Amino acid sequence: MADKTIMLVCAAGMSTSLLVSKMQKAAVAQGLDADIFAVSASEADAHLAKKKIDVLMLGPQVKYMKKQFEDKVAGTDTKMDVINMQDYGMMNGEKVLKTALTLLGE
C-alpha cells in the first residue's frame, strides 16, 4: 500500500490523466511511494467512501465545486485544494505534487 494517496478530480477524469503520469514520474524521482490517480467529479464520492485519500485536488475546471468537496471531507484527515491553473495548464506534475505534499505538511 502506498504511503500517500492523492486523488485529482476533474470534469471527466480524462484531462488530468497526463498530469497524473507526470506527478507519478516526479514521485518516483523523489523516492516517494504514492498512489496518484484521477477521477471525474461524479466518481469522487465512491473513491472517498472506499479508500483513505490523503490529498484531494480539484482541477481548475471544477473549482466551483470546492465548497461541496470541503463539506465531503470535513471531519476527515483529507487535505484539499484547487490545482493552480498555470501548473495545470503547463501539466507541471512536479509542482502539483509539491503542492500536495505541502498540504500534508511535508
N, C-alpha and C. Protein backbone atom coordinates (compact mmCIF):
# COMPACT_ATOMS: atom_id res chain seq x y z
N MET A 1 0.84 -1.19 0.00
CA MET A 1 0.00 0.00 0.00
C MET A 1 0.89 1.25 0.00
N ALA A 2 0.49 2.23 -0.74
CA ALA A 2 1.28 3.46 -0.89
C ALA A 2 1.26 4.29 0.41
N ASP A 3 2.33 5.04 0.61
CA ASP A 3 2.41 5.93 1.78
C ASP A 3 1.41 7.07 1.68
N LYS A 4 1.21 7.57 0.47
CA LYS A 4 0.33 8.73 0.23
C LYS A 4 -0.66 8.39 -0.88
N THR A 5 -1.88 8.86 -0.72
CA THR A 5 -2.89 8.68 -1.76
C THR A 5 -3.38 10.06 -2.16
N ILE A 6 -3.19 10.39 -3.43
CA ILE A 6 -3.55 11.70 -3.96
C ILE A 6 -4.56 11.50 -5.07
N MET A 7 -5.74 12.09 -4.90
CA MET A 7 -6.79 11.97 -5.89
C MET A 7 -7.02 13.32 -6.55
N LEU A 8 -6.93 13.33 -7.88
CA LEU A 8 -7.24 14.52 -8.66
C LEU A 8 -8.66 14.38 -9.18
N VAL A 9 -9.41 15.46 -9.11
CA VAL A 9 -10.79 15.44 -9.57
C VAL A 9 -10.96 16.48 -10.67
N CYS A 10 -11.51 16.05 -11.80
CA CYS A 10 -11.80 16.99 -12.88
C CYS A 10 -13.18 16.68 -13.44
N ALA A 11 -13.56 17.36 -14.47
CA ALA A 11 -14.90 17.20 -15.02
C ALA A 11 -15.16 15.77 -15.48
N ALA A 12 -14.24 15.22 -16.28
CA ALA A 12 -14.46 13.88 -16.82
C ALA A 12 -13.43 12.86 -16.35
N GLY A 13 -12.38 13.29 -15.65
CA GLY A 13 -11.35 12.38 -15.18
C GLY A 13 -10.30 12.07 -16.24
N MET A 14 -10.45 12.63 -17.43
CA MET A 14 -9.51 12.32 -18.51
C MET A 14 -8.44 13.39 -18.67
N SER A 15 -8.82 14.64 -18.54
CA SER A 15 -7.85 15.71 -18.78
C SER A 15 -6.72 15.69 -17.76
N THR A 16 -6.97 15.13 -16.59
CA THR A 16 -5.92 15.09 -15.57
C THR A 16 -5.04 13.86 -15.69
N SER A 17 -5.36 12.94 -16.60
CA SER A 17 -4.57 11.70 -16.68
C SER A 17 -3.12 11.97 -17.06
N LEU A 18 -2.86 12.93 -17.94
CA LEU A 18 -1.50 13.28 -18.28
C LEU A 18 -0.78 13.88 -17.07
N LEU A 19 -1.49 14.72 -16.34
CA LEU A 19 -0.91 15.31 -15.13
C LEU A 19 -0.58 14.23 -14.11
N VAL A 20 -1.45 13.24 -13.97
CA VAL A 20 -1.20 12.13 -13.05
C VAL A 20 0.11 11.42 -13.43
N SER A 21 0.30 11.13 -14.72
CA SER A 21 1.52 10.42 -15.10
C SER A 21 2.76 11.27 -14.82
N LYS A 22 2.66 12.57 -15.01
CA LYS A 22 3.80 13.44 -14.71
C LYS A 22 4.05 13.52 -13.20
N MET A 23 2.98 13.51 -12.41
CA MET A 23 3.13 13.51 -10.95
C MET A 23 3.75 12.19 -10.49
N GLN A 24 3.34 11.08 -11.09
CA GLN A 24 3.89 9.77 -10.73
C GLN A 24 5.38 9.71 -11.03
N LYS A 25 5.79 10.25 -12.17
CA LYS A 25 7.22 10.29 -12.51
C LYS A 25 7.99 11.13 -11.49
N ALA A 26 7.41 12.27 -11.10
CA ALA A 26 8.06 13.13 -10.10
C ALA A 26 8.16 12.41 -8.76
N ALA A 27 7.13 11.68 -8.39
CA ALA A 27 7.14 10.94 -7.12
C ALA A 27 8.23 9.86 -7.14
N VAL A 28 8.34 9.13 -8.24
CA VAL A 28 9.37 8.10 -8.37
C VAL A 28 10.76 8.73 -8.27
N ALA A 29 10.95 9.86 -8.93
CA ALA A 29 12.25 10.56 -8.90
C ALA A 29 12.62 10.98 -7.49
N GLN A 30 11.59 11.25 -6.67
CA GLN A 30 11.83 11.67 -5.28
C GLN A 30 11.84 10.49 -4.30
N GLY A 31 11.64 9.29 -4.83
CA GLY A 31 11.61 8.12 -3.96
C GLY A 31 10.35 8.05 -3.10
N LEU A 32 9.29 8.66 -3.57
CA LEU A 32 8.04 8.72 -2.82
C LEU A 32 7.10 7.61 -3.29
N ASP A 33 6.55 6.86 -2.35
CA ASP A 33 5.59 5.82 -2.67
C ASP A 33 4.19 6.43 -2.59
N ALA A 34 3.64 6.75 -3.76
CA ALA A 34 2.35 7.45 -3.78
C ALA A 34 1.40 6.81 -4.78
N ASP A 35 0.15 6.72 -4.38
CA ASP A 35 -0.93 6.29 -5.26
C ASP A 35 -1.58 7.58 -5.76
N ILE A 36 -1.36 7.92 -7.01
CA ILE A 36 -1.87 9.16 -7.60
C ILE A 36 -2.80 8.76 -8.74
N PHE A 37 -4.04 9.23 -8.67
CA PHE A 37 -4.99 8.87 -9.71
C PHE A 37 -6.00 10.00 -9.93
N ALA A 38 -6.68 9.93 -11.06
CA ALA A 38 -7.67 10.95 -11.42
C ALA A 38 -9.03 10.31 -11.61
N VAL A 39 -10.05 11.04 -11.18
CA VAL A 39 -11.44 10.59 -11.36
C VAL A 39 -12.29 11.77 -11.78
N SER A 40 -13.45 11.47 -12.31
CA SER A 40 -14.40 12.53 -12.62
C SER A 40 -15.07 12.96 -11.33
N ALA A 41 -15.64 14.14 -11.33
CA ALA A 41 -16.32 14.66 -10.13
C ALA A 41 -17.43 13.70 -9.70
N SER A 42 -18.10 13.09 -10.67
CA SER A 42 -19.21 12.18 -10.33
C SER A 42 -18.72 10.87 -9.70
N GLU A 43 -17.46 10.50 -9.93
CA GLU A 43 -16.91 9.27 -9.34
C GLU A 43 -16.23 9.50 -8.00
N ALA A 44 -15.98 10.73 -7.65
CA ALA A 44 -15.18 11.05 -6.47
C ALA A 44 -15.77 10.51 -5.18
N ASP A 45 -17.09 10.60 -5.02
CA ASP A 45 -17.72 10.14 -3.78
C ASP A 45 -17.43 8.66 -3.51
N ALA A 46 -17.50 7.85 -4.55
CA ALA A 46 -17.25 6.41 -4.39
C ALA A 46 -15.83 6.16 -3.90
N HIS A 47 -14.88 6.90 -4.44
CA HIS A 47 -13.48 6.73 -4.02
C HIS A 47 -13.27 7.23 -2.60
N LEU A 48 -13.91 8.34 -2.24
CA LEU A 48 -13.79 8.85 -0.87
C LEU A 48 -14.37 7.85 0.12
N ALA A 49 -15.41 7.14 -0.29
CA ALA A 49 -16.06 6.19 0.61
C ALA A 49 -15.25 4.91 0.79
N LYS A 50 -14.49 4.50 -0.24
CA LYS A 50 -13.84 3.20 -0.15
C LYS A 50 -12.36 3.22 0.20
N LYS A 51 -11.70 4.37 0.12
CA LYS A 51 -10.29 4.39 0.49
C LYS A 51 -9.92 5.70 1.15
N LYS A 52 -8.84 5.63 1.94
CA LYS A 52 -8.35 6.84 2.62
C LYS A 52 -7.60 7.69 1.61
N ILE A 53 -8.11 8.88 1.39
CA ILE A 53 -7.48 9.83 0.47
C ILE A 53 -6.73 10.86 1.33
N ASP A 54 -5.42 10.97 1.13
CA ASP A 54 -4.64 11.94 1.90
C ASP A 54 -4.83 13.35 1.35
N VAL A 55 -4.83 13.48 0.02
CA VAL A 55 -4.98 14.79 -0.61
C VAL A 55 -5.96 14.68 -1.77
N LEU A 56 -6.92 15.59 -1.80
CA LEU A 56 -7.87 15.70 -2.91
C LEU A 56 -7.58 17.03 -3.57
N MET A 57 -7.30 16.99 -4.86
CA MET A 57 -7.01 18.22 -5.59
C MET A 57 -7.99 18.37 -6.74
N LEU A 58 -8.64 19.51 -6.79
CA LEU A 58 -9.61 19.79 -7.84
C LEU A 58 -8.94 20.44 -9.04
N GLY A 59 -9.29 19.99 -10.23
CA GLY A 59 -8.83 20.65 -11.44
C GLY A 59 -9.47 22.02 -11.53
N PRO A 60 -8.80 22.97 -12.16
CA PRO A 60 -9.34 24.33 -12.26
C PRO A 60 -10.75 24.40 -12.85
N GLN A 61 -11.06 23.46 -13.74
CA GLN A 61 -12.37 23.49 -14.38
C GLN A 61 -13.51 23.11 -13.44
N VAL A 62 -13.20 22.54 -12.28
CA VAL A 62 -14.25 22.20 -11.30
C VAL A 62 -14.05 22.94 -9.97
N LYS A 63 -13.28 24.03 -10.01
CA LYS A 63 -13.04 24.75 -8.76
C LYS A 63 -14.32 25.30 -8.15
N TYR A 64 -15.36 25.45 -8.98
CA TYR A 64 -16.65 25.92 -8.47
C TYR A 64 -17.27 24.90 -7.50
N MET A 65 -16.75 23.68 -7.48
CA MET A 65 -17.25 22.62 -6.59
C MET A 65 -16.48 22.55 -5.27
N LYS A 66 -15.58 23.50 -5.06
CA LYS A 66 -14.71 23.44 -3.88
C LYS A 66 -15.50 23.32 -2.58
N LYS A 67 -16.51 24.12 -2.40
CA LYS A 67 -17.30 24.08 -1.15
C LYS A 67 -17.94 22.71 -0.96
N GLN A 68 -18.49 22.14 -2.02
CA GLN A 68 -19.10 20.81 -1.94
C GLN A 68 -18.09 19.78 -1.46
N PHE A 69 -16.88 19.83 -2.02
CA PHE A 69 -15.86 18.86 -1.64
C PHE A 69 -15.31 19.15 -0.24
N GLU A 70 -15.24 20.40 0.15
CA GLU A 70 -14.83 20.72 1.52
C GLU A 70 -15.81 20.09 2.50
N ASP A 71 -17.09 20.17 2.19
CA ASP A 71 -18.10 19.56 3.05
C ASP A 71 -17.94 18.04 3.09
N LYS A 72 -17.61 17.44 1.96
CA LYS A 72 -17.46 15.98 1.88
C LYS A 72 -16.28 15.47 2.71
N VAL A 73 -15.20 16.25 2.78
CA VAL A 73 -14.02 15.78 3.51
C VAL A 73 -13.95 16.35 4.93
N ALA A 74 -14.93 17.18 5.30
CA ALA A 74 -14.96 17.74 6.66
C ALA A 74 -14.98 16.60 7.67
N GLY A 75 -14.19 16.74 8.71
CA GLY A 75 -14.14 15.72 9.74
C GLY A 75 -13.23 14.54 9.40
N THR A 76 -12.52 14.63 8.28
CA THR A 76 -11.55 13.59 7.91
C THR A 76 -10.16 14.22 7.91
N ASP A 77 -9.16 13.39 7.67
CA ASP A 77 -7.79 13.88 7.59
C ASP A 77 -7.42 14.32 6.18
N THR A 78 -8.37 14.22 5.25
CA THR A 78 -8.10 14.56 3.86
C THR A 78 -7.85 16.06 3.70
N LYS A 79 -6.72 16.39 3.09
CA LYS A 79 -6.40 17.79 2.76
C LYS A 79 -6.92 18.07 1.36
N MET A 80 -7.30 19.31 1.11
CA MET A 80 -7.89 19.62 -0.18
C MET A 80 -7.50 20.99 -0.68
N ASP A 81 -7.36 21.12 -2.00
CA ASP A 81 -7.09 22.41 -2.62
C ASP A 81 -7.42 22.31 -4.11
N VAL A 82 -7.44 23.47 -4.75
CA VAL A 82 -7.62 23.54 -6.20
C VAL A 82 -6.24 23.62 -6.83
N ILE A 83 -6.02 22.87 -7.90
CA ILE A 83 -4.74 22.88 -8.60
C ILE A 83 -4.54 24.26 -9.24
N ASN A 84 -3.37 24.81 -9.05
CA ASN A 84 -3.02 26.09 -9.65
C ASN A 84 -3.23 26.01 -11.16
N MET A 85 -3.96 27.01 -11.70
CA MET A 85 -4.33 26.98 -13.12
C MET A 85 -3.11 26.94 -14.04
N GLN A 86 -2.07 27.70 -13.69
CA GLN A 86 -0.88 27.72 -14.53
C GLN A 86 -0.16 26.37 -14.50
N ASP A 87 -0.03 25.79 -13.29
CA ASP A 87 0.61 24.48 -13.18
C ASP A 87 -0.19 23.43 -13.94
N TYR A 88 -1.50 23.53 -13.88
CA TYR A 88 -2.38 22.60 -14.60
C TYR A 88 -2.20 22.77 -16.10
N GLY A 89 -2.25 24.00 -16.55
CA GLY A 89 -2.11 24.27 -17.98
C GLY A 89 -0.78 23.82 -18.55
N MET A 90 0.27 23.93 -17.75
CA MET A 90 1.60 23.51 -18.19
C MET A 90 1.85 22.02 -17.91
N MET A 91 0.86 21.37 -17.27
CA MET A 91 0.99 19.95 -16.88
C MET A 91 2.27 19.74 -16.07
N ASN A 92 2.48 20.64 -15.11
CA ASN A 92 3.68 20.61 -14.28
C ASN A 92 3.46 19.66 -13.09
N GLY A 93 3.65 18.38 -13.34
CA GLY A 93 3.42 17.36 -12.32
C GLY A 93 4.28 17.55 -11.09
N GLU A 94 5.50 18.00 -11.28
CA GLU A 94 6.40 18.21 -10.15
C GLU A 94 5.86 19.27 -9.19
N LYS A 95 5.38 20.40 -9.73
CA LYS A 95 4.86 21.47 -8.88
C LYS A 95 3.53 21.07 -8.22
N VAL A 96 2.68 20.36 -8.95
CA VAL A 96 1.40 19.93 -8.37
C VAL A 96 1.66 18.92 -7.25
N LEU A 97 2.62 18.02 -7.45
CA LEU A 97 2.99 17.08 -6.39
C LEU A 97 3.54 17.83 -5.19
N LYS A 98 4.37 18.83 -5.44
CA LYS A 98 4.93 19.63 -4.33
C LYS A 98 3.81 20.31 -3.55
N THR A 99 2.81 20.83 -4.25
CA THR A 99 1.66 21.45 -3.58
C THR A 99 0.94 20.43 -2.70
N ALA A 100 0.73 19.23 -3.23
CA ALA A 100 0.06 18.18 -2.47
C ALA A 100 0.85 17.83 -1.20
N LEU A 101 2.15 17.70 -1.33
CA LEU A 101 2.99 17.37 -0.17
C LEU A 101 3.01 18.51 0.83
N THR A 102 2.97 19.75 0.35
CA THR A 102 2.91 20.91 1.24
C THR A 102 1.61 20.89 2.05
N LEU A 103 0.51 20.50 1.41
CA LEU A 103 -0.76 20.38 2.13
C LEU A 103 -0.66 19.38 3.27
N LEU A 104 0.18 18.37 3.08
CA LEU A 104 0.38 17.34 4.11
C LEU A 104 1.42 17.76 5.14
N GLY A 105 1.97 18.94 4.97
CA GLY A 105 2.98 19.43 5.92
C GLY A 105 4.35 18.86 5.67
N GLU A 106 4.62 18.47 4.44
CA GLU A 106 5.93 17.88 4.12
C GLU A 106 6.76 18.82 3.26
